């Protein structure tokens, strides 16, 4: 990647945003998204009667609103002129990448400028990583040599 890069690791509980400016700069965000609720409750097996379980729409709407607010906080910490690599398990990383692309479209930061795309946004599956592993991944992305251990 030729431009500055922001690396983000995210799941539904937390996000870590890493940028390189004469060394790694790490910012942590707690998302506090409630977990998915499992359907519980009495389920009738009598085909002549309707019913069973409880409505999930209210709980899921609440969860998605917390997720949206968390993604907005993380996105606000990512500069609009840097390429972005989003890592993480599940679909939250894809939601963040889609949110960033949507912001780029709204602000007119899409297409080509002087033969280059305005910024690249990539989403890659990854399990939980330590801060040291994330810093090393960021080093690779920006072309910094590995830190020497004595």
Protein backbone atom coordinates (compact mmCIF):
# COMPACT_ATOMS: atom_id res chain seq x y z
CA UNK A 1 0.00 0.00 0.00
CA UNK A 2 1.46 3.33 -1.03
CA UNK A 3 -0.59 5.60 1.26
CA UNK A 4 -0.64 5.63 5.05
CA UNK A 5 -2.55 2.67 6.45
CA UNK A 6 -4.92 2.29 9.36
CA UNK A 7 -5.28 -1.25 10.73
CA UNK A 8 -8.44 -2.13 12.67
CA UNK A 9 -9.19 -5.32 14.60
CA UNK A 10 -12.86 -5.49 15.60
CA UNK A 11 -15.50 -7.79 17.03
CA UNK A 12 -18.81 -7.04 18.76
CA UNK A 13 -17.11 -6.30 22.10
CA UNK A 14 -14.10 -4.17 21.23
CA UNK A 15 -12.04 -2.57 18.51
CA UNK A 16 -8.34 -1.73 18.27
CA UNK A 17 -7.30 0.99 15.79
CA UNK A 18 -3.59 1.16 14.86
CA UNK A 19 -1.88 3.90 12.84
CA UNK A 20 1.80 4.46 12.07
CA UNK A 21 3.40 7.86 12.81
CA UNK A 22 7.07 7.38 13.68
CA UNK A 23 5.88 4.29 15.50
CA UNK A 24 2.60 2.58 16.24
CA UNK A 25 -0.29 4.57 17.72
CA UNK A 26 -2.94 2.33 19.30
CA UNK A 27 -6.48 3.35 20.26
CA UNK A 28 -8.93 0.99 21.94
CA UNK A 29 -12.73 1.19 21.81
CA UNK A 30 -15.23 -0.76 23.89
CA UNK A 31 -18.37 -1.40 21.83
CA UNK A 32 -20.63 -2.87 24.55
CA UNK A 33 -22.91 -4.57 22.03
CA UNK A 34 -25.33 -6.93 23.78
CA UNK A 35 -24.92 -10.57 22.71
CA UNK A 36 -27.39 -12.33 20.45
CA UNK A 37 -30.30 -13.62 22.49
CA UNK A 38 -31.31 -17.22 22.02
CA UNK A 39 -34.96 -18.00 21.53
CA UNK A 40 -36.26 -19.34 24.81
CA UNK A 41 -39.66 -19.85 26.28
CA UNK A 42 -42.44 -22.35 26.12
CA UNK A 43 -42.98 -23.93 22.72
CA UNK A 44 -46.33 -25.60 22.17
CA UNK A 45 -46.44 -28.77 20.17
CA UNK A 46 -50.20 -28.73 19.62
CA UNK A 47 -50.74 -27.90 15.90
CA UNK A 48 -54.20 -26.49 16.61
CA UNK A 49 -52.78 -23.68 18.78
CA UNK A 50 -50.50 -20.85 17.80
CA UNK A 51 -47.54 -19.82 19.85
CA UNK A 52 -44.23 -20.55 21.33
CA UNK A 53 -41.18 -18.57 22.27
CA UNK A 54 -40.90 -14.81 22.62
CA UNK A 55 -40.52 -12.08 20.07
CA UNK A 56 -36.88 -11.35 19.19
CA UNK A 57 -37.34 -8.23 17.08
CA UNK A 58 -37.10 -5.78 19.99
CA UNK A 59 -33.95 -7.36 21.36
CA UNK A 60 -32.25 -7.54 17.96
CA UNK A 61 -33.18 -3.93 17.16
CA UNK A 62 -31.60 -2.85 20.46
CA UNK A 63 -28.46 -4.86 19.66
CA UNK A 64 -28.14 -3.45 16.14
CA UNK A 65 -28.51 0.12 17.42
CA UNK A 66 -25.65 -0.42 19.90
CA UNK A 67 -23.58 -1.94 17.08
CA UNK A 68 -24.30 1.03 14.77
CA UNK A 69 -23.26 3.52 17.45
CA UNK A 70 -20.06 1.56 18.17
CA UNK A 71 -19.15 1.41 14.48
CA UNK A 72 -19.67 5.17 14.16
CA UNK A 73 -17.28 5.80 17.08
CA UNK A 74 -14.63 3.54 15.55
CA UNK A 75 -15.11 5.05 12.06
CA UNK A 76 -14.65 8.56 13.51
CA UNK A 77 -11.15 7.48 14.62
CA UNK A 78 -10.13 6.44 11.07
CA UNK A 79 -8.80 9.21 8.79
CA UNK A 80 -10.54 9.57 5.43
CA UNK A 81 -7.30 9.79 3.47
CA UNK A 82 -5.68 6.55 4.69
CA UNK A 83 -6.10 3.03 3.31
CA UNK A 84 -7.86 0.72 5.78
CA UNK A 85 -7.46 -2.96 6.58
CA UNK A 86 -10.21 -4.31 8.83
CA UNK A 87 -9.55 -7.62 10.62
CA UNK A 88 -11.77 -9.71 12.85
CA UNK A 89 -14.06 -12.69 13.18
CA UNK A 90 -17.69 -12.77 12.14
CA UNK A 91 -19.57 -10.05 10.32
CA UNK A 92 -18.78 -6.97 12.42
CA UNK A 93 -15.61 -6.31 10.37
CA UNK A 94 -17.69 -6.46 7.17
CA UNK A 95 -20.20 -4.02 8.67
CA UNK A 96 -17.39 -1.60 9.53
CA UNK A 97 -15.92 -1.85 6.02
CA UNK A 98 -19.38 -1.25 4.50
CA UNK A 99 -19.91 1.71 6.87
CA UNK A 100 -16.58 3.26 5.78
CA UNK A 101 -17.43 2.75 2.10
CA UNK A 102 -20.82 4.39 2.70
CA UNK A 103 -19.14 7.38 4.37
CA UNK A 104 -16.77 7.67 1.40
CA UNK A 105 -19.71 7.74 -1.01
CA UNK A 106 -21.57 10.38 1.03
CA UNK A 107 -18.50 12.63 1.20
CA UNK A 108 -17.51 12.13 -2.43
CA UNK A 109 -14.31 10.23 -1.61
CA UNK A 110 -14.94 7.53 -4.20
CA UNK A 111 -13.52 6.93 -7.65
CA UNK A 112 -10.13 7.93 -8.92
CA UNK A 113 -7.90 10.93 -8.18
CA UNK A 114 -4.82 11.35 -10.37
CA UNK A 115 -5.13 7.74 -11.52
CA UNK A 116 -5.34 6.31 -7.97
CA UNK A 117 -8.37 5.17 -6.02
CA UNK A 118 -9.16 7.57 -3.21
CA UNK A 119 -8.55 4.93 -0.57
CA UNK A 120 -8.64 1.17 -0.35
CA UNK A 121 -10.76 -0.57 2.27
CA UNK A 122 -10.08 -4.29 2.78
CA UNK A 123 -11.81 -6.72 5.13
CA UNK A 124 -10.05 -9.94 6.19
CA UNK A 125 -11.10 -12.71 8.55
CA UNK A 126 -8.85 -13.06 11.60
CA UNK A 127 -9.07 -14.54 15.07
CA UNK A 128 -8.30 -12.47 18.18
CA UNK A 129 -4.79 -11.03 17.97
CA UNK A 130 -2.52 -9.57 20.63
CA UNK A 131 -1.45 -5.96 20.40
CA UNK A 132 2.09 -7.10 19.50
CA UNK A 133 0.74 -9.21 16.62
CA UNK A 134 -1.31 -6.28 15.37
CA UNK A 135 1.69 -3.95 15.52
CA UNK A 136 3.76 -6.44 13.50
CA UNK A 137 0.97 -6.70 10.92
CA UNK A 138 0.88 -2.90 10.69
CA UNK A 139 4.68 -2.84 10.26
CA UNK A 140 4.30 -5.19 7.28
CA UNK A 141 1.58 -3.00 5.74
CA UNK A 142 3.58 0.23 6.00
CA UNK A 143 6.87 -1.39 4.95
CA UNK A 144 8.69 -0.88 8.24
CA UNK A 145 11.40 -3.43 9.04
CA UNK A 146 10.69 -5.76 11.94
CA UNK A 147 11.80 -4.57 15.34
CA UNK A 148 15.07 -6.18 16.44
CA UNK A 149 14.98 -8.10 19.67
CA UNK A 150 18.17 -8.15 21.72
